[in-house]
Amino acid sequence: MQSLTALTPETARNIAREAYTFGFPMVENYKTLYKQAIDTRHPDFKAPINQIGRAAGVVTPDDTQFITPNTDTPYCFLWADLRTEPIVVTMPAIEPNRYYTGQIVDLYTHNIDYLGTRVYGNDGGNFLLVDPGWNGEPPENIRAVIRCETELLYILFRIQLFDLSDLEKVQTIQAGIQAQPLSQFVGKPAPPAAPAIAWLPLVDDMTETPVLFRYLNFLLQFAPTHPSETELISRFAQLGIGAGKPFDIATFPPEIQQAIADGISDFWQQDFPGIMQRLNAGEVGSGDAFGTREFLQNNYLYRFLAAKLGIYGNSRDEAIYITYFVDADNNKLDTSQSGYTLRFEGDQLPPANAFWSITLYDGKTQLLVRNPLQRYVLNSPMLETFKFGEDGSLTLYIQKDSPGGDRESNWLPAPDGPFYLILRIYLPKPEVLNGTWKQPPLQQI
């Protein structure tokens, strides 16, 4: 392995660029972990490690725990530490016409598996989550054993809300989602606890500067090197990046410090604009960026894109996310200049086996936009309230001021400035996945 003293600025720059792309999603993931499960004083705290946290209502502009949230499915949250013993997650049985899911995400932000409607149906059951080294026998009454390649994982539970009058029913389902250690599930004494974790507090610039590598080294302790990444991790070691290693850029010579900063700058000036151009052109979509390791095939740029624009997005079979960052003429969206329309022909509404929704986000904060109607989404459960054209078409209005009259039912309020839209299709039909259904463009008025 090359020593740090023999490291050239060119090599350091290239490694920093590559390691930044690799590590950014993990550190973004850690931000959520720390806020939701470690820092009890943080307003986004949900529950300690290995306990279920529940959001009693739908997401509003006051919720800032992660960017680009949906408002269709109230959430439950579980951060699990599998080092001591496996965790048993119980999903309650629910009515067959309601969509629910538990998205299991590892430290890399791979979607490793799902609980719920698509994979296991709505009958519920007990599921055993185990770490990479577990080789025990599952007890009776376990529907499936789910192995994670990292020792810490996240489960994001979503339960479909039909309308606000349905919230109490959703809360009852939330209460039925449970998590417990395997020893408690089988009624035996708990094994000795794993060593306590010295969690790193968050700092403001942790994903924008070389500070990111300190957090990456911390997280790699809980993520055994995958065989496909042995060479990659060995290359990172030339820059002092590796499981449990200290990382302090001040320990490098000035020319190496500059090279590391330049490598991160290279990513933002070259790689990111390139992938965004492909996204806006429709060459890359959410169906390419979210999924298992096997699906992504170690495409770290796609994994970065997913974490940057909408961390914890679903895999393509679970949901498709169609982004609107530009209009039909490829201009950035900005309602300080004009309004927009989105028109679906009568037979071209988004094809979903569950439901679809369109949510608007502020272009600066990536959060929901406060508005007098407290309306943040238009979705298929609202179809009966929409005004349709005589030809059966549906035109939605995206603008800062009301379109007036009966058009207001089709209005998605926007800020006085930049914004973007996400069209979510839950349990998409084959015509979405194979590309025969095409989303309509956003037209400037």
Protein backbone atom coordinates (compact mmCIF):
# COMPACT_ATOMS: atom_id res chain seq x y z
CA MET A 1 0.00 0.00 0.00
CA GLN A 2 1.30 3.41 -0.92
CA SER A 3 2.41 5.50 2.07
CA LEU A 4 0.91 8.91 2.70
CA THR A 5 4.32 10.51 2.32
CA ALA A 6 4.60 9.07 -1.21
CA LEU A 7 1.12 10.23 -2.18
CA THR A 8 1.16 12.61 -5.16
CA PRO A 9 -1.33 15.49 -5.48
CA GLU A 10 -2.74 13.97 -8.66
CA THR A 11 -3.39 10.62 -6.97
CA ALA A 12 -4.87 12.31 -3.89
CA ARG A 13 -7.18 14.37 -6.06
CA ASN A 14 -8.47 11.35 -7.96
CA ILE A 15 -8.97 9.28 -4.81
CA ALA A 16 -10.75 12.14 -3.04
CA ARG A 17 -13.14 12.54 -5.95
CA GLU A 18 -13.91 8.83 -6.03
CA ALA A 19 -14.20 8.44 -2.24
CA TYR A 20 -16.45 11.48 -2.00
CA THR A 21 -18.86 9.99 -4.53
CA PHE A 22 -18.78 6.69 -2.64
CA GLY A 23 -19.12 8.14 0.85
CA PHE A 24 -21.63 10.96 0.42
CA PRO A 25 -24.76 8.73 0.60
CA MET A 26 -23.47 7.00 3.74
CA VAL A 27 -22.85 10.29 5.52
CA GLU A 28 -26.21 11.71 4.43
CA ASN A 29 -27.71 8.53 5.87
CA TYR A 30 -25.82 9.10 9.12
CA LYS A 31 -27.34 12.58 9.45
CA THR A 32 -30.79 11.00 9.60
CA LEU A 33 -29.64 8.26 11.98
CA TYR A 34 -28.14 10.77 14.41
CA LYS A 35 -31.15 13.09 14.36
CA GLN A 36 -33.78 10.36 14.62
CA ALA A 37 -32.17 7.88 17.02
CA ILE A 38 -29.18 9.42 18.87
CA ASP A 39 -29.70 13.12 19.63
CA THR A 40 -32.69 13.07 21.99
CA ARG A 41 -32.80 16.89 21.97
CA HIS A 42 -33.12 17.19 18.22
CA PRO A 43 -36.63 18.10 16.95
CA ASP A 44 -36.42 15.18 14.48
CA PHE A 45 -35.72 12.58 17.19
CA LYS A 46 -38.09 9.60 16.83
CA ALA A 47 -36.95 6.70 19.05
CA PRO A 48 -33.75 5.12 20.39
CA ILE A 49 -31.89 2.42 18.46
CA ASN A 50 -33.94 -0.82 18.14
CA GLN A 51 -37.22 0.90 18.99
CA ILE A 52 -40.01 1.95 16.62
CA GLY A 53 -40.60 5.68 16.16
CA ARG A 54 -43.95 6.82 14.82
CA ALA A 55 -45.06 9.98 13.06
CA ALA A 56 -48.60 10.62 14.23
CA GLY A 57 -49.63 12.65 11.19
CA VAL A 58 -48.71 13.46 7.61
CA VAL A 59 -45.60 15.41 6.70
CA THR A 60 -45.91 19.22 6.64
CA PRO A 61 -43.46 22.07 5.93
CA ASP A 62 -42.48 21.89 9.60
CA ASP A 63 -40.92 18.45 9.05
CA THR A 64 -37.27 18.76 8.03
CA GLN A 65 -35.77 15.37 8.93
CA PHE A 66 -35.16 14.49 5.29
CA ILE A 67 -35.54 16.16 1.94
CA THR A 68 -38.26 15.48 -0.65
CA PRO A 69 -40.64 13.72 1.78
CA ASN A 70 -43.97 12.33 0.65
CA THR A 71 -47.31 13.27 2.19
CA ASP A 72 -49.23 10.17 1.07
CA THR A 73 -47.99 7.66 3.62
CA PRO A 74 -47.47 8.49 7.31
CA TYR A 75 -44.16 7.05 8.45
CA CYS A 76 -42.76 4.80 11.12
CA PHE A 77 -39.01 4.54 11.68
CA LEU A 78 -36.63 1.89 13.00
CA TRP A 79 -32.86 2.20 13.33
CA ALA A 80 -31.56 -1.26 14.19
CA ASP A 81 -28.20 -2.37 15.64
CA LEU A 82 -27.72 -6.06 14.83
CA ARG A 83 -24.30 -6.51 16.47
CA THR A 84 -25.59 -8.04 19.73
CA GLU A 85 -28.38 -10.19 18.27
CA PRO A 86 -30.99 -10.23 15.51
CA ILE A 87 -34.12 -8.10 15.67
CA VAL A 88 -37.64 -9.41 15.04
CA VAL A 89 -39.96 -7.01 13.24
CA THR A 90 -43.70 -7.69 13.35
CA MET A 91 -45.97 -6.37 10.62
CA PRO A 92 -49.71 -6.37 11.46
CA ALA A 93 -52.31 -7.80 9.12
CA ILE A 94 -54.29 -5.04 7.38
CA GLU A 95 -57.14 -4.73 4.86
CA PRO A 96 -56.25 -5.89 1.33
CA ASN A 97 -56.94 -2.60 -0.45
CA ARG A 98 -54.44 -0.51 1.54
CA TYR A 99 -50.77 -0.24 0.54
CA TYR A 100 -48.11 -0.55 3.25
CA THR A 101 -44.44 -1.35 3.24
CA GLY A 102 -41.27 -1.55 5.29
CA GLN A 103 -38.27 -0.46 3.21
CA ILE A 104 -35.03 -1.93 4.61
CA VAL A 105 -31.96 0.20 3.92
CA ASP A 106 -28.34 -0.62 4.80
CA LEU A 107 -25.59 1.85 5.72
CA TYR A 108 -24.63 2.22 2.06
CA THR A 109 -28.27 3.22 1.31
CA HIS A 110 -28.96 0.06 -0.69
CA ASN A 111 -32.59 -1.07 -0.48
CA ILE A 112 -31.90 -4.61 0.62
CA ASP A 113 -35.48 -5.89 0.99
CA TYR A 114 -39.11 -4.98 1.66
CA LEU A 115 -41.80 -6.00 4.11
CA GLY A 116 -45.44 -5.52 3.21
CA THR A 117 -47.84 -5.42 0.28
CA ARG A 118 -45.65 -6.12 -2.76
CA VAL A 119 -43.37 -8.84 -1.37
CA TYR A 120 -45.32 -10.48 1.46
CA GLY A 121 -48.87 -9.24 1.01
CA ASN A 122 -51.02 -7.64 3.70
CA ASP A 123 -51.26 -10.65 6.03
CA GLY A 124 -48.43 -9.43 8.28
CA GLY A 125 -46.04 -11.70 10.17
CA ASN A 126 -42.71 -11.82 11.98
CA PHE A 127 -39.46 -11.12 10.12
CA LEU A 128 -35.94 -11.82 11.45
CA LEU A 129 -33.25 -9.24 10.61
CA VAL A 130 -29.70 -10.55 10.99
CA ASP A 131 -26.21 -9.10 10.53
CA PRO A 132 -23.58 -10.41 8.07
CA GLY A 133 -22.04 -12.90 10.51
CA TRP A 134 -25.15 -14.47 12.05
CA ASN A 135 -25.39 -18.24 11.54
CA GLY A 136 -28.09 -19.27 14.00
CA GLU A 137 -31.37 -21.08 13.44
CA PRO A 138 -34.51 -18.98 13.16
CA PRO A 139 -37.28 -19.82 15.62
CA GLU A 140 -40.77 -20.93 14.63
CA ASN A 141 -43.29 -18.36 13.46
CA ILE A 142 -40.77 -16.42 11.38
CA ARG A 143 -41.94 -15.68 7.83
CA ALA A 144 -38.50 -14.77 6.49
CA VAL A 145 -34.89 -14.22 7.53
CA ILE A 146 -33.46 -11.01 6.05
CA ARG A 147 -29.69 -10.70 6.05
CA CYS A 148 -28.10 -7.27 5.97
CA GLU A 149 -24.51 -6.70 4.81
CA THR A 150 -24.04 -3.89 7.37
CA GLU A 151 -24.44 -4.14 11.13
CA LEU A 152 -26.67 -1.07 11.34
CA LEU A 153 -29.77 -0.64 9.19
CA TYR A 154 -32.83 1.53 8.74
CA ILE A 155 -36.44 0.55 8.10
CA LEU A 156 -38.77 3.21 6.79
CA PHE A 157 -42.40 2.11 7.10
CA ARG A 158 -45.06 3.72 4.91
CA ILE A 159 -48.81 3.26 5.30
CA GLN A 160 -51.23 4.62 2.73
CA LEU A 161 -53.52 7.38 3.96
CA PHE A 162 -56.73 7.66 1.96
CA ASP A 163 -57.70 11.08 3.38
CA LEU A 164 -57.43 12.97 6.67
CA SER A 165 -60.49 11.19 8.10
CA ASP A 166 -58.51 7.96 7.69
CA LEU A 167 -55.66 9.08 9.97
CA GLU A 168 -56.90 7.30 13.10
CA LYS A 169 -56.98 3.98 11.22
CA VAL A 170 -53.43 4.55 10.00
CA GLN A 171 -52.30 5.27 13.56
CA THR A 172 -53.80 1.95 14.68
CA ILE A 173 -51.78 0.15 12.00
CA GLN A 174 -48.67 2.06 13.07
CA ALA A 175 -49.14 0.85 16.64
CA GLY A 176 -49.21 -2.74 15.35
CA ILE A 177 -45.70 -2.48 13.87
CA GLN A 178 -43.34 -3.81 16.53
CA ALA A 179 -39.63 -4.57 16.95
CA GLN A 180 -37.89 -6.65 19.62
CA PRO A 181 -34.59 -8.50 20.12
CA LEU A 182 -34.63 -12.18 19.21
CA SER A 183 -33.97 -13.17 22.85
CA GLN A 184 -37.09 -11.33 23.96
CA PHE A 185 -39.13 -12.87 21.13
CA VAL A 186 -38.21 -16.42 22.21
CA GLY A 187 -38.21 -15.68 25.97
CA LYS A 188 -34.53 -16.32 26.67
CA PRO A 189 -31.81 -14.23 28.38
CA ALA A 190 -30.15 -11.62 26.20
CA PRO A 191 -26.54 -12.22 25.08
CA PRO A 192 -23.75 -9.87 26.23
CA ALA A 193 -24.18 -6.42 24.74
CA ALA A 194 -21.96 -5.22 21.90
CA PRO A 195 -19.48 -2.43 22.71
CA ALA A 196 -21.01 1.01 23.10
CA ILE A 197 -20.71 3.24 20.03
CA ALA A 198 -19.04 6.64 20.36
CA TRP A 199 -21.37 8.48 17.98
CA LEU A 200 -19.91 11.47 16.15
CA PRO A 201 -21.96 14.67 16.58
CA LEU A 202 -23.07 16.40 13.41
CA VAL A 203 -21.30 19.49 12.05
CA ASP A 204 -22.50 21.96 9.44
CA ASP A 205 -20.07 21.14 6.62
CA MET A 206 -19.90 17.38 7.01
CA THR A 207 -21.09 16.54 3.49
CA GLU A 208 -19.54 19.46 1.61
CA THR A 209 -15.89 19.30 2.71
CA PRO A 210 -13.18 16.71 3.46
CA VAL A 211 -14.74 16.39 6.94
CA LEU A 212 -16.97 13.83 5.21
CA PHE A 213 -14.12 11.32 5.25
CA ARG A 214 -13.99 11.33 9.07
CA TYR A 215 -17.64 10.25 9.16
CA LEU A 216 -17.07 7.74 6.38
CA ASN A 217 -14.26 6.09 8.37
CA PHE A 218 -16.56 5.91 11.41
CA LEU A 219 -19.36 4.24 9.42
CA LEU A 220 -17.10 1.74 7.69
CA GLN A 221 -16.59 0.07 11.11
CA PHE A 222 -20.12 -1.28 10.77
CA ALA A 223 -19.91 -2.14 7.08
CA PRO A 224 -17.63 -5.12 6.36
CA THR A 225 -15.91 -4.70 2.99
CA HIS A 226 -17.90 -6.33 0.21
CA PRO A 227 -15.78 -8.65 -2.00
CA SER A 228 -16.54 -6.47 -5.01
CA GLU A 229 -15.01 -3.44 -3.24
CA THR A 230 -11.78 -4.86 -1.85
CA GLU A 231 -9.65 -3.08 -4.44
CA LEU A 232 -11.64 0.14 -4.04
CA ILE A 233 -11.20 0.24 -0.25
CA SER A 234 -7.50 -0.54 -0.66
CA ARG A 235 -7.19 2.43 -2.98
CA PHE A 236 -9.00 4.67 -0.50
CA ALA A 237 -6.50 3.60 2.18
CA GLN A 238 -3.82 5.59 0.35
CA LEU A 239 -5.68 8.67 1.54
CA GLY A 240 -6.17 7.41 5.10
CA ILE A 241 -9.74 6.30 4.43
CA GLY A 242 -10.73 3.02 6.08
CA ALA A 243 -12.80 1.46 8.86
CA GLY A 244 -12.17 3.13 12.21
CA LYS A 245 -9.19 5.18 11.04
CA PRO A 246 -8.81 8.80 12.17
CA PHE A 247 -9.07 11.37 9.42
CA ASP A 248 -7.80 14.91 9.87
CA ILE A 249 -6.95 16.84 6.73
CA ALA A 250 -4.60 19.06 8.74
CA THR A 251 -2.17 16.13 9.04
CA PHE A 252 -1.52 16.20 5.27
CA PRO A 253 1.02 18.45 3.54
CA PRO A 254 -0.52 21.65 2.10
CA GLU A 255 -0.34 20.43 -1.50
CA ILE A 256 -2.23 17.23 -0.56
CA GLN A 257 -4.82 19.19 1.40
CA GLN A 258 -5.45 21.29 -1.69
CA ALA A 259 -5.61 18.20 -3.90
CA ILE A 260 -8.27 16.62 -1.65
CA ALA A 261 -10.37 19.79 -1.76
CA ASP A 262 -9.89 19.93 -5.54
CA GLY A 263 -11.07 16.33 -5.90
CA ILE A 264 -14.36 17.21 -4.18
CA SER A 265 -14.64 20.33 -6.33
CA ASP A 266 -14.06 18.22 -9.45
CA PHE A 267 -17.07 16.12 -8.52
CA TRP A 268 -19.38 19.11 -8.14
CA GLN A 269 -18.13 20.87 -11.26
CA GLN A 270 -17.99 17.85 -13.57
CA ASP A 271 -19.73 14.70 -12.35
CA PHE A 272 -22.82 16.26 -10.76
CA PRO A 273 -23.78 18.57 -13.67
CA GLY A 274 -23.32 15.64 -16.03
CA ILE A 275 -25.65 13.30 -14.14
CA MET A 276 -28.23 16.07 -13.68
CA GLN A 277 -28.20 16.70 -17.42
CA ARG A 278 -28.89 13.02 -18.01
CA LEU A 279 -31.67 13.10 -15.40
CA ASN A 280 -33.39 16.10 -16.99
CA ALA A 281 -33.08 14.48 -20.43
CA GLY A 282 -34.85 11.36 -19.16
CA GLU A 283 -31.79 9.15 -19.69
CA VAL A 284 -31.60 8.34 -15.96
CA GLY A 285 -34.49 8.08 -13.51
CA SER A 286 -35.34 6.88 -10.04
CA GLY A 287 -35.70 3.36 -11.36
CA ASP A 288 -31.97 3.40 -12.13
CA ALA A 289 -30.77 5.05 -8.90
CA PHE A 290 -32.54 3.14 -6.08
CA GLY A 291 -32.16 -0.56 -5.43
CA THR A 292 -30.03 -3.38 -4.11
CA ARG A 293 -26.28 -3.64 -4.53
CA GLU A 294 -26.86 -6.29 -7.18
CA PHE A 295 -29.18 -3.97 -9.10
CA LEU A 296 -26.96 -0.89 -8.87
CA GLN A 297 -23.80 -2.90 -9.64
CA ASN A 298 -21.71 -0.47 -7.58
CA ASN A 299 -22.70 2.55 -9.64
CA TYR A 300 -21.65 5.13 -7.06
CA LEU A 301 -22.74 8.11 -9.15
CA TYR A 302 -26.30 6.77 -9.30
CA ARG A 303 -26.22 6.10 -5.55
CA PHE A 304 -25.03 9.67 -4.99
CA LEU A 305 -27.82 11.04 -7.17
CA ALA A 306 -30.40 9.12 -5.17
CA ALA A 307 -29.07 10.37 -1.83
CA LYS A 308 -28.77 13.96 -3.01
CA LEU A 309 -32.19 14.36 -4.60
CA GLY A 310 -34.38 12.07 -2.50
CA ILE A 311 -32.65 9.79 -0.02
CA TYR A 312 -34.62 6.63 0.89
CA GLY A 313 -36.44 6.48 -2.41
CA ASN A 314 -37.97 3.12 -3.24
CA SER A 315 -36.71 0.53 -5.70
CA ARG A 316 -38.40 0.57 -9.10
CA ASP A 317 -40.77 -2.36 -8.45
CA GLU A 318 -42.03 -0.64 -5.30
CA ALA A 319 -42.35 2.89 -6.65
CA ILE A 320 -41.19 5.02 -9.55
CA TYR A 321 -40.28 8.67 -8.97
CA ILE A 322 -40.56 10.90 -12.00
CA THR A 323 -38.87 14.27 -11.54
CA TYR A 324 -39.80 17.60 -13.02
CA PHE A 325 -36.86 20.00 -12.70
CA VAL A 326 -37.37 21.68 -16.10
CA ASP A 327 -40.34 22.48 -18.32
CA ALA A 328 -41.08 21.26 -21.84
CA ASP A 329 -38.59 23.79 -23.23
CA ASN A 330 -35.85 22.63 -20.82
CA ASN A 331 -36.07 25.79 -18.71
CA LYS A 332 -35.70 25.59 -14.93
CA LEU A 333 -38.99 25.82 -13.05
CA ASP A 334 -39.74 29.16 -11.41
CA THR A 335 -43.24 30.38 -10.54
CA SER A 336 -42.05 33.92 -9.90
CA GLN A 337 -42.06 34.24 -13.69
CA SER A 338 -45.13 32.25 -14.74
CA GLY A 339 -47.41 29.34 -13.94
CA TYR A 340 -47.42 25.83 -15.41
CA THR A 341 -49.87 23.15 -16.45
CA LEU A 342 -49.55 19.37 -16.45
CA ARG A 343 -52.11 17.70 -18.71
CA PHE A 344 -52.98 14.00 -18.70
CA GLU A 345 -55.10 12.68 -21.55
CA GLY A 346 -58.15 10.70 -20.49
CA ASP A 347 -56.52 7.31 -20.90
CA GLN A 348 -53.04 8.36 -19.80
CA LEU A 349 -53.25 8.85 -16.03
CA PRO A 350 -50.23 7.31 -14.26
CA PRO A 351 -50.67 3.48 -14.27
CA ALA A 352 -50.45 2.27 -10.66
CA ASN A 353 -51.46 -0.92 -8.91
CA ALA A 354 -51.53 1.04 -5.63
CA PHE A 355 -51.80 4.81 -6.23
CA TRP A 356 -49.99 7.85 -7.66
CA SER A 357 -49.24 11.33 -6.35
CA ILE A 358 -47.63 14.60 -7.44
CA THR A 359 -45.85 16.61 -4.74
CA LEU A 360 -44.29 20.06 -5.00
CA TYR A 361 -41.05 21.08 -3.26
CA ASP A 362 -39.24 24.34 -2.75
CA GLY A 363 -36.27 24.55 -5.12
CA LYS A 364 -34.01 25.97 -2.39
CA THR A 365 -34.83 23.88 0.69
CA GLN A 366 -36.13 20.69 -1.03
CA LEU A 367 -38.97 20.71 1.52
CA LEU A 368 -42.72 21.21 1.27
CA VAL A 369 -44.00 24.72 0.53
CA ARG A 370 -46.28 26.38 3.06
CA ASN A 371 -49.51 27.68 1.47
CA PRO A 372 -52.98 28.88 2.57
CA LEU A 373 -54.73 25.71 1.40
CA GLN A 374 -52.26 23.47 3.26
CA ARG A 375 -52.24 21.46 0.05
CA TYR A 376 -48.91 19.87 -0.78
CA VAL A 377 -49.94 17.05 -3.08
CA LEU A 378 -52.42 16.04 -5.77
CA ASN A 379 -53.01 12.29 -5.97
CA SER A 380 -55.23 9.52 -7.29
CA PRO A 381 -57.34 9.24 -4.09
CA MET A 382 -58.41 12.84 -4.87
CA LEU A 383 -59.66 12.03 -8.40
CA GLU A 384 -63.32 12.50 -7.48
CA THR A 385 -62.60 16.10 -6.43
CA PHE A 386 -60.80 17.10 -9.65
CA LYS A 387 -62.37 18.96 -12.57
CA PHE A 388 -61.94 16.99 -15.82
CA GLY A 389 -62.18 18.28 -19.37
CA GLU A 390 -65.06 17.28 -21.65
CA ASP A 391 -62.66 14.92 -23.45
CA GLY A 392 -61.79 13.20 -20.17
CA SER A 393 -58.42 14.90 -19.84
CA LEU A 394 -57.06 16.15 -16.50
CA THR A 395 -55.17 19.45 -16.36
CA LEU A 396 -53.32 20.34 -13.16
CA TYR A 397 -52.27 23.93 -12.42
CA ILE A 398 -48.95 24.65 -10.72
CA GLN A 399 -48.67 28.33 -9.85
CA LYS A 400 -48.32 30.72 -6.92
CA ASP A 401 -51.80 32.27 -7.24
CA SER A 402 -55.14 30.49 -7.46
CA PRO A 403 -56.30 29.75 -11.04
CA GLY A 404 -59.79 30.66 -9.81
CA GLY A 405 -63.21 29.08 -10.06
CA ASP A 406 -63.55 25.34 -10.52
CA ARG A 407 -59.89 25.15 -11.55
CA GLU A 408 -58.85 25.57 -7.91
CA SER A 409 -59.62 21.89 -7.24
CA ASN A 410 -56.77 21.09 -9.68
CA TRP A 411 -54.36 23.65 -8.20
CA LEU A 412 -51.06 22.73 -6.57
CA PRO A 413 -49.83 25.92 -4.85
CA ALA A 414 -46.23 26.90 -5.60
CA PRO A 415 -43.75 29.36 -4.06
CA ASP A 416 -42.80 32.71 -5.53
CA GLY A 417 -39.59 31.27 -6.94
CA PRO A 418 -37.90 27.99 -7.93
CA PHE A 419 -39.57 24.65 -7.31
CA TYR A 420 -39.66 21.08 -8.57
CA LEU A 421 -42.21 18.27 -8.72
CA ILE A 422 -42.01 14.55 -7.97
CA LEU A 423 -44.56 12.23 -9.55
CA ARG A 424 -44.66 9.03 -7.48
CA ILE A 425 -46.24 5.86 -8.85
CA TYR A 426 -46.62 3.19 -6.15
CA LEU A 427 -46.55 -0.40 -7.38
CA PRO A 428 -46.17 0.79 -10.98
CA LYS A 429 -47.78 -1.24 -13.73
CA PRO A 430 -45.62 -2.89 -16.45
CA GLU A 431 -46.19 -0.06 -18.94
CA VAL A 432 -44.40 2.30 -16.54
CA LEU A 433 -41.46 -0.03 -16.01
CA ASN A 434 -41.02 -0.91 -19.69
CA GLY A 435 -41.35 2.69 -20.85
CA THR A 436 -44.47 2.37 -22.99
CA TRP A 437 -46.25 4.90 -20.75
CA LYS A 438 -44.73 8.37 -21.03
CA GLN A 439 -45.23 11.16 -18.54
CA PRO A 440 -46.52 14.42 -20.02
CA PRO A 441 -44.23 17.49 -20.02
CA LEU A 442 -44.77 20.46 -17.76
CA GLN A 443 -45.95 23.37 -19.93
CA GLN A 444 -45.27 26.99 -19.11
CA ILE A 445 -48.38 29.16 -19.24
